PDB file of all heavy atoms in Angstrom:
ATOM      1  N   GLY A   1     -24.218 -59.431 -10.291  1.00  0.00           N
ATOM      2  CA  GLY A   1     -24.258 -57.983 -10.120  1.00  0.00           C
ATOM      3  C   GLY A   1     -24.578 -57.326 -11.447  1.00  0.00           C
ATOM      4  O   GLY A   1     -24.851 -58.001 -12.430  1.00  0.00           O
ATOM      5  N   PHE A   2     -24.520 -56.032 -11.478  1.00  0.00           N
ATOM      6  CA  PHE A   2     -24.736 -55.300 -12.723  1.00  0.00           C
ATOM      7  C   PHE A   2     -23.791 -54.121 -12.765  1.00  0.00           C
ATOM      8  O   PHE A   2     -23.306 -53.654 -11.741  1.00  0.00           O
ATOM      9  CB  PHE A   2     -26.194 -54.840 -12.866  1.00  0.00           C
ATOM     10  CG  PHE A   2     -26.569 -53.757 -11.903  1.00  0.00           C
ATOM     11  CD1 PHE A   2     -26.494 -52.424 -12.266  1.00  0.00           C
ATOM     12  CD2 PHE A   2     -26.980 -54.070 -10.623  1.00  0.00           C
ATOM     13  CE1 PHE A   2     -26.831 -51.416 -11.380  1.00  0.00           C
ATOM     14  CE2 PHE A   2     -27.307 -53.071  -9.719  1.00  0.00           C
ATOM     15  CZ  PHE A   2     -27.238 -51.749 -10.108  1.00  0.00           C
ATOM     16  N   VAL A   3     -23.542 -53.679 -13.965  1.00  0.00           N
ATOM     17  CA  VAL A   3     -22.664 -52.545 -14.187  1.00  0.00           C
ATOM     18  C   VAL A   3     -23.364 -51.599 -15.148  1.00  0.00           C
ATOM     19  O   VAL A   3     -23.921 -52.031 -16.148  1.00  0.00           O
ATOM     20  CB  VAL A   3     -21.318 -52.988 -14.805  1.00  0.00           C
ATOM     21  CG1 VAL A   3     -20.454 -51.799 -15.156  1.00  0.00           C
ATOM     22  CG2 VAL A   3     -20.586 -53.929 -13.864  1.00  0.00           C
ATOM     23  N   VAL A   4     -23.353 -50.341 -14.824  1.00  0.00           N
ATOM     24  CA  VAL A   4     -23.852 -49.316 -15.736  1.00  0.00           C
ATOM     25  C   VAL A   4     -22.627 -48.565 -16.232  1.00  0.00           C
ATOM     26  O   VAL A   4     -21.856 -48.032 -15.441  1.00  0.00           O
ATOM     27  CB  VAL A   4     -24.829 -48.353 -15.035  1.00  0.00           C
ATOM     28  CG1 VAL A   4     -25.244 -47.238 -15.980  1.00  0.00           C
ATOM     29  CG2 VAL A   4     -26.036 -49.114 -14.506  1.00  0.00           C
ATOM     30  N   GLN A   5     -22.450 -48.571 -17.534  1.00  0.00           N
ATOM     31  CA  GLN A   5     -21.284 -47.915 -18.112  1.00  0.00           C
ATOM     32  C   GLN A   5     -21.764 -46.872 -19.107  1.00  0.00           C
ATOM     33  O   GLN A   5     -22.617 -47.156 -19.954  1.00  0.00           O
ATOM     34  CB  GLN A   5     -20.411 -48.952 -18.826  1.00  0.00           C
ATOM     35  CG  GLN A   5     -19.142 -48.404 -19.387  1.00  0.00           C
ATOM     36  CD  GLN A   5     -18.254 -49.504 -19.958  1.00  0.00           C
ATOM     37  OE1 GLN A   5     -18.507 -50.688 -19.772  1.00  0.00           O
ATOM     38  NE2 GLN A   5     -17.217 -49.109 -20.653  1.00  0.00           N
ATOM     39  N   ALA A   6     -21.251 -45.677 -18.995  1.00  0.00           N
ATOM     40  CA  ALA A   6     -21.619 -44.595 -19.908  1.00  0.00           C
ATOM     41  C   ALA A   6     -20.357 -44.032 -20.537  1.00  0.00           C
ATOM     42  O   ALA A   6     -19.299 -43.985 -19.913  1.00  0.00           O
ATOM     43  CB  ALA A   6     -22.364 -43.498 -19.155  1.00  0.00           C
ATOM     44  N   GLU A   7     -20.481 -43.633 -21.777  1.00  0.00           N
ATOM     45  CA  GLU A   7     -19.350 -43.056 -22.486  1.00  0.00           C
ATOM     46  C   GLU A   7     -19.831 -41.827 -23.245  1.00  0.00           C
ATOM     47  O   GLU A   7     -20.921 -41.833 -23.814  1.00  0.00           O
ATOM     48  CB  GLU A   7     -18.780 -44.075 -23.473  1.00  0.00           C
ATOM     49  CG  GLU A   7     -17.583 -43.584 -24.226  1.00  0.00           C
ATOM     50  CD  GLU A   7     -17.013 -44.626 -25.162  1.00  0.00           C
ATOM     51  OE1 GLU A   7     -17.053 -45.817 -24.833  1.00  0.00           O
ATOM     52  OE2 GLU A   7     -16.531 -44.235 -26.234  1.00  0.00           O
ATOM     53  N   ALA A   8     -19.042 -40.789 -23.236  1.00  0.00           N
ATOM     54  CA  ALA A   8     -19.393 -39.571 -23.961  1.00  0.00           C
ATOM     55  C   ALA A   8     -18.214 -39.159 -24.831  1.00  0.00           C
ATOM     56  O   ALA A   8     -17.058 -39.246 -24.417  1.00  0.00           O
ATOM     57  CB  ALA A   8     -19.739 -38.456 -22.988  1.00  0.00           C
ATOM     58  N   ASP A   9     -18.508 -38.754 -26.037  1.00  0.00           N
ATOM     59  CA  ASP A   9     -17.496 -38.229 -26.946  1.00  0.00           C
ATOM     60  C   ASP A   9     -17.810 -36.770 -27.211  1.00  0.00           C
ATOM     61  O   ASP A   9     -18.977 -36.390 -27.323  1.00  0.00           O
ATOM     62  CB  ASP A   9     -17.509 -38.975 -28.280  1.00  0.00           C
ATOM     63  CG  ASP A   9     -16.850 -40.337 -28.201  1.00  0.00           C
ATOM     64  OD1 ASP A   9     -15.904 -40.478 -27.405  1.00  0.00           O
ATOM     65  OD2 ASP A   9     -17.271 -41.238 -28.928  1.00  0.00           O
ATOM     66  N   ALA A  10     -16.783 -35.974 -27.305  1.00  0.00           N
ATOM     67  CA  ALA A  10     -16.976 -34.562 -27.601  1.00  0.00           C
ATOM     68  C   ALA A  10     -15.816 -34.060 -28.443  1.00  0.00           C
ATOM     69  O   ALA A  10     -14.732 -34.635 -28.430  1.00  0.00           O
ATOM     70  CB  ALA A  10     -17.061 -33.762 -26.302  1.00  0.00           C
ATOM     71  N   VAL A  11     -16.064 -33.020 -29.162  1.00  0.00           N
ATOM     72  CA  VAL A  11     -15.035 -32.378 -29.980  1.00  0.00           C
ATOM     73  C   VAL A  11     -15.174 -30.880 -29.783  1.00  0.00           C
ATOM     74  O   VAL A  11     -16.280 -30.353 -29.684  1.00  0.00           O
ATOM     75  CB  VAL A  11     -15.212 -32.758 -31.470  1.00  0.00           C
ATOM     76  CG1 VAL A  11     -14.360 -31.875 -32.356  1.00  0.00           C
ATOM     77  CG2 VAL A  11     -14.848 -34.203 -31.705  1.00  0.00           C
ATOM     78  N   GLN A  12     -14.048 -30.218 -29.732  1.00  0.00           N
ATOM     79  CA  GLN A  12     -14.052 -28.765 -29.573  1.00  0.00           C
ATOM     80  C   GLN A  12     -14.773 -28.102 -30.736  1.00  0.00           C
ATOM     81  O   GLN A  12     -14.840 -28.647 -31.832  1.00  0.00           O
ATOM     82  CB  GLN A  12     -12.626 -28.260 -29.503  1.00  0.00           C
ATOM     83  CG  GLN A  12     -11.865 -28.441 -30.827  1.00  0.00           C
ATOM     84  CD  GLN A  12     -10.393 -28.204 -30.697  1.00  0.00           C
ATOM     85  OE1 GLN A  12      -9.818 -28.461 -29.663  1.00  0.00           O
ATOM     86  NE2 GLN A  12      -9.774 -27.700 -31.759  1.00  0.00           N
ATOM     87  N   THR A  13     -15.315 -26.923 -30.508  1.00  0.00           N
ATOM     88  CA  THR A  13     -15.959 -26.185 -31.588  1.00  0.00           C
ATOM     89  C   THR A  13     -14.994 -25.232 -32.286  1.00  0.00           C
ATOM     90  O   THR A  13     -15.223 -24.842 -33.411  1.00  0.00           O
ATOM     91  CB  THR A  13     -17.183 -25.398 -31.087  1.00  0.00           C
ATOM     92  OG1 THR A  13     -16.763 -24.508 -30.056  1.00  0.00           O
ATOM     93  CG2 THR A  13     -18.249 -26.332 -30.581  1.00  0.00           C
ATOM     94  N   HIS A  14     -13.902 -24.884 -31.622  1.00  0.00           N
ATOM     95  CA  HIS A  14     -12.882 -24.043 -32.250  1.00  0.00           C
ATOM     96  C   HIS A  14     -12.143 -24.905 -33.269  1.00  0.00           C
ATOM     97  O   HIS A  14     -11.669 -25.985 -32.936  1.00  0.00           O
ATOM     98  CB  HIS A  14     -11.920 -23.486 -31.191  1.00  0.00           C
ATOM     99  CG  HIS A  14     -10.879 -22.583 -31.746  1.00  0.00           C
ATOM    100  ND1 HIS A  14     -11.177 -21.330 -32.234  1.00  0.00           N
ATOM    101  CD2 HIS A  14      -9.551 -22.755 -31.908  1.00  0.00           C
ATOM    102  CE1 HIS A  14     -10.066 -20.761 -32.669  1.00  0.00           C
ATOM    103  NE2 HIS A  14      -9.070 -21.600 -32.474  1.00  0.00           N
ATOM    104  N   ASN A  15     -12.059 -24.461 -34.505  1.00  0.00           N
ATOM    105  CA  ASN A  15     -11.471 -25.270 -35.587  1.00  0.00           C
ATOM    106  C   ASN A  15     -12.191 -26.615 -35.678  1.00  0.00           C
ATOM    107  O   ASN A  15     -11.574 -27.679 -35.740  1.00  0.00           O
ATOM    108  CB  ASN A  15      -9.971 -25.473 -35.391  1.00  0.00           C
ATOM    109  CG  ASN A  15      -9.199 -24.181 -35.473  1.00  0.00           C
ATOM    110  OD1 ASN A  15      -9.513 -23.312 -36.279  1.00  0.00           O
ATOM    111  ND2 ASN A  15      -8.202 -24.030 -34.618  1.00  0.00           N
ATOM    112  N   ALA A  16     -13.504 -26.570 -35.667  1.00  0.00           N
ATOM    113  CA  ALA A  16     -14.326 -27.778 -35.567  1.00  0.00           C
ATOM    114  C   ALA A  16     -14.059 -28.780 -36.681  1.00  0.00           C
ATOM    115  O   ALA A  16     -13.988 -29.982 -36.433  1.00  0.00           O
ATOM    116  CB  ALA A  16     -15.802 -27.399 -35.540  1.00  0.00           C
ATOM    117  N   LYS A  17     -13.912 -28.331 -37.912  1.00  0.00           N
ATOM    118  CA  LYS A  17     -13.720 -29.271 -39.020  1.00  0.00           C
ATOM    119  C   LYS A  17     -12.451 -30.098 -38.828  1.00  0.00           C
ATOM    120  O   LYS A  17     -12.452 -31.311 -38.993  1.00  0.00           O
ATOM    121  CB  LYS A  17     -13.719 -28.550 -40.351  1.00  0.00           C
ATOM    122  CG  LYS A  17     -15.094 -28.030 -40.727  1.00  0.00           C
ATOM    123  CD  LYS A  17     -15.100 -27.454 -42.113  1.00  0.00           C
ATOM    124  CE  LYS A  17     -16.508 -27.020 -42.474  1.00  0.00           C
ATOM    125  NZ  LYS A  17     -16.687 -26.756 -43.884  1.00  0.00           N
ATOM    126  N   ALA A  18     -11.370 -29.443 -38.465  1.00  0.00           N
ATOM    127  CA  ALA A  18     -10.112 -30.154 -38.235  1.00  0.00           C
ATOM    128  C   ALA A  18     -10.227 -31.053 -37.009  1.00  0.00           C
ATOM    129  O   ALA A  18      -9.702 -32.169 -36.982  1.00  0.00           O
ATOM    130  CB  ALA A  18      -8.963 -29.158 -38.064  1.00  0.00           C
ATOM    131  N   ALA A  19     -10.928 -30.587 -35.983  1.00  0.00           N
ATOM    132  CA  ALA A  19     -11.078 -31.371 -34.762  1.00  0.00           C
ATOM    133  C   ALA A  19     -11.896 -32.632 -35.018  1.00  0.00           C
ATOM    134  O   ALA A  19     -11.587 -33.702 -34.494  1.00  0.00           O
ATOM    135  CB  ALA A  19     -11.740 -30.529 -33.672  1.00  0.00           C
ATOM    136  N   ILE A  20     -12.945 -32.529 -35.822  1.00  0.00           N
ATOM    137  CA  ILE A  20     -13.770 -33.699 -36.136  1.00  0.00           C
ATOM    138  C   ILE A  20     -12.949 -34.733 -36.888  1.00  0.00           C
ATOM    139  O   ILE A  20     -12.988 -35.926 -36.596  1.00  0.00           O
ATOM    140  CB  ILE A  20     -15.025 -33.279 -36.932  1.00  0.00           C
ATOM    141  CG1 ILE A  20     -15.984 -32.521 -36.014  1.00  0.00           C
ATOM    142  CG2 ILE A  20     -15.716 -34.485 -37.553  1.00  0.00           C
ATOM    143  CD1 ILE A  20     -17.132 -31.841 -36.729  1.00  0.00           C
ATOM    144  N   ARG A  21     -12.191 -34.283 -37.867  1.00  0.00           N
ATOM    145  CA  ARG A  21     -11.353 -35.223 -38.628  1.00  0.00           C
ATOM    146  C   ARG A  21     -10.303 -35.862 -37.714  1.00  0.00           C
ATOM    147  O   ARG A  21     -10.077 -37.064 -37.758  1.00  0.00           O
ATOM    148  CB  ARG A  21     -10.667 -34.540 -39.796  1.00  0.00           C
ATOM    149  CG  ARG A  21      -9.765 -35.499 -40.577  1.00  0.00           C
ATOM    150  CD  ARG A  21      -9.128 -34.824 -41.768  1.00  0.00           C
ATOM    151  NE  ARG A  21     -10.093 -34.550 -42.797  1.00  0.00           N
ATOM    152  CZ  ARG A  21     -10.356 -35.377 -43.800  1.00  0.00           C
ATOM    153  NH1 ARG A  21      -9.717 -36.519 -43.880  1.00  0.00           N
ATOM    154  NH2 ARG A  21     -11.235 -35.073 -44.711  1.00  0.00           N
ATOM    155  N   SER A  22      -9.700 -35.082 -36.854  1.00  0.00           N
ATOM    156  CA  SER A  22      -8.670 -35.592 -35.957  1.00  0.00           C
ATOM    157  C   SER A  22      -9.236 -36.586 -34.946  1.00  0.00           C
ATOM    158  O   SER A  22      -8.655 -37.639 -34.699  1.00  0.00           O
ATOM    159  CB  SER A  22      -8.011 -34.423 -35.218  1.00  0.00           C
ATOM    160  OG  SER A  22      -7.108 -34.903 -34.245  1.00  0.00           O
ATOM    161  N   ALA A  23     -10.384 -36.266 -34.360  1.00  0.00           N
ATOM    162  CA  ALA A  23     -10.947 -37.110 -33.305  1.00  0.00           C
ATOM    163  C   ALA A  23     -11.607 -38.359 -33.848  1.00  0.00           C
ATOM    164  O   ALA A  23     -11.467 -39.442 -33.288  1.00  0.00           O
ATOM    165  CB  ALA A  23     -11.955 -36.301 -32.479  1.00  0.00           C
ATOM    166  N   TRP A  24     -12.358 -38.216 -34.927  1.00  0.00           N
ATOM    167  CA  TRP A  24     -13.182 -39.328 -35.400  1.00  0.00           C
ATOM    168  C   TRP A  24     -12.823 -39.803 -36.800  1.00  0.00           C
ATOM    169  O   TRP A  24     -13.393 -40.769 -37.302  1.00  0.00           O
ATOM    170  CB  TRP A  24     -14.661 -38.940 -35.360  1.00  0.00           C
ATOM    171  CG  TRP A  24     -15.183 -38.707 -33.979  1.00  0.00           C
ATOM    172  CD1 TRP A  24     -14.879 -39.425 -32.864  1.00  0.00           C
ATOM    173  CD2 TRP A  24     -16.075 -37.686 -33.561  1.00  0.00           C
ATOM    174  NE1 TRP A  24     -15.541 -38.907 -31.778  1.00  0.00           N
ATOM    175  CE2 TRP A  24     -16.296 -37.838 -32.181  1.00  0.00           C
ATOM    176  CE3 TRP A  24     -16.732 -36.659 -34.216  1.00  0.00           C
ATOM    177  CZ2 TRP A  24     -17.120 -37.017 -31.444  1.00  0.00           C
ATOM    178  CZ3 TRP A  24     -17.569 -35.829 -33.487  1.00  0.00           C
ATOM    179  CH2 TRP A  24     -17.752 -36.020 -32.113  1.00  0.00           C
ATOM    180  N   GLY A  25     -11.904 -39.101 -37.474  1.00  0.00           N
ATOM    181  CA  GLY A  25     -11.518 -39.508 -38.817  1.00  0.00           C
ATOM    182  C   GLY A  25     -12.630 -39.318 -39.834  1.00  0.00           C
ATOM    183  O   GLY A  25     -12.688 -40.032 -40.827  1.00  0.00           O
ATOM    184  N   LEU A  26     -13.515 -38.379 -39.596  1.00  0.00           N
ATOM    185  CA  LEU A  26     -14.665 -38.168 -40.466  1.00  0.00           C
ATOM    186  C   LEU A  26     -14.507 -36.921 -41.308  1.00  0.00           C
ATOM    187  O   LEU A  26     -13.894 -35.951 -40.880  1.00  0.00           O
ATOM    188  CB  LEU A  26     -15.947 -38.016 -39.631  1.00  0.00           C
ATOM    189  CG  LEU A  26     -16.316 -39.182 -38.721  1.00  0.00           C
ATOM    190  CD1 LEU A  26     -17.511 -38.810 -37.869  1.00  0.00           C
ATOM    191  CD2 LEU A  26     -16.626 -40.412 -39.550  1.00  0.00           C
ATOM    192  N   GLN A  27     -15.100 -36.963 -42.497  1.00  0.00           N
ATOM    193  CA  GLN A  27     -15.243 -35.731 -43.265  1.00  0.00           C
ATOM    194  C   GLN A  27     -16.209 -34.865 -42.489  1.00  0.00           C
ATOM    195  O   GLN A  27     -17.253 -35.322 -42.061  1.00  0.00           O
ATOM    196  CB  GLN A  27     -15.784 -36.021 -44.665  1.00  0.00           C
ATOM    197  CG  GLN A  27     -14.817 -36.755 -45.556  1.00  0.00           C
ATOM    198  CD  GLN A  27     -13.605 -35.916 -45.922  1.00  0.00           C
ATOM    199  OE1 GLN A  27     -13.632 -34.690 -45.835  1.00  0.00           O
ATOM    200  NE2 GLN A  27     -12.536 -36.572 -46.320  1.00  0.00           N
ATOM    201  N   SER A  28     -15.885 -33.635 -42.272  1.00  0.00           N
ATOM    202  CA  SER A  28     -16.641 -32.823 -41.336  1.00  0.00           C
ATOM    203  C   SER A  28     -17.815 -32.060 -41.938  1.00  0.00           C
ATOM    204  O   SER A  28     -18.639 -31.547 -41.213  1.00  0.00           O
ATOM    205  CB  SER A  28     -15.705 -31.840 -40.647  1.00  0.00           C
ATOM    206  OG  SER A  28     -15.102 -31.019 -41.620  1.00  0.00           O
ATOM    207  N   ASP A  29     -17.935 -31.962 -43.245  1.00  0.00           N
ATOM    208  CA  ASP A  29     -18.982 -31.127 -43.832  1.00  0.00           C
ATOM    209  C   ASP A  29     -20.377 -31.519 -43.352  1.00  0.00           C
ATOM    210  O   ASP A  29     -21.156 -30.675 -42.925  1.00  0.00           O
ATOM    211  CB  ASP A  29     -18.928 -31.180 -45.360  1.00  0.00           C
ATOM    212  CG  ASP A  29     -17.645 -30.570 -45.902  1.00  0.00           C
ATOM    213  OD1 ASP A  29     -17.034 -29.753 -45.180  1.00  0.00           O
ATOM    214  OD2 ASP A  29     -17.259 -30.930 -47.023  1.00  0.00           O
ATOM    215  N   ALA A  30     -20.705 -32.799 -43.397  1.00  0.00           N
ATOM    216  CA  ALA A  30     -22.033 -33.234 -42.965  1.00  0.00           C
ATOM    217  C   ALA A  30     -22.208 -33.030 -41.464  1.00  0.00           C
ATOM    218  O   ALA A  30     -23.265 -32.599 -41.007  1.00  0.00           O
ATOM    219  CB  ALA A  30     -22.246 -34.704 -43.319  1.00  0.00           C
ATOM    220  N   MET A  31     -21.174 -33.327 -40.695  1.00  0.00           N
ATOM    221  CA  MET A  31     -21.257 -33.188 -39.241  1.00  0.00           C
ATOM    222  C   MET A  31     -21.445 -31.725 -38.839  1.00  0.00           C
ATOM    223  O   MET A  31     -22.311 -31.405 -38.038  1.00  0.00           O
ATOM    224  CB  MET A  31     -19.996 -33.722 -38.562  1.00  0.00           C
ATOM    225  CG  MET A  31     -19.791 -35.210 -38.692  1.00  0.00           C
ATOM    226  SD  MET A  31     -20.921 -36.131 -37.660  1.00  0.00           S
ATOM    227  CE  MET A  31     -20.247 -35.777 -36.059  1.00  0.00           C
ATOM    228  N   THR A  32     -20.630 -30.830 -39.405  1.00  0.00           N
ATOM    229  CA  THR A  32     -20.703 -29.436 -38.981  1.00  0.00           C
ATOM    230  C   THR A  32     -21.999 -28.784 -39.430  1.00  0.00           C
ATOM    231  O   THR A  32     -22.526 -27.926 -38.745  1.00  0.00           O
ATOM    232  CB  THR A  32     -19.491 -28.634 -39.498  1.00  0.00           C
ATOM    233  OG1 THR A  32     -19.389 -28.796 -40.913  1.00  0.00           O
ATOM    234  CG2 THR A  32     -18.216 -29.084 -38.823  1.00  0.00           C
ATOM    235  N   SER A  33     -22.550 -29.203 -40.559  1.00  0.00           N
ATOM    236  CA  SER A  33     -23.822 -28.607 -40.987  1.00  0.00           C
ATOM    237  C   SER A  33     -24.945 -29.043 -40.055  1.00  0.00           C
ATOM    238  O   SER A  33     -25.840 -28.257 -39.756  1.00  0.00           O
ATOM    239  CB  SER A  33     -24.145 -28.983 -42.432  1.00  0.00           C
ATOM    240  OG  SER A  33     -24.373 -30.373 -42.542  1.00  0.00           O
TER     241      SER A  33
END
């Protein structure tokens, strides 16, 4: 058989810098720009 698996990640835009760090552990400056 076969399986199709999809995954999506998202982060809120309100307080985006803190949310990015919390969700992904990333410095947010490059991401938010």
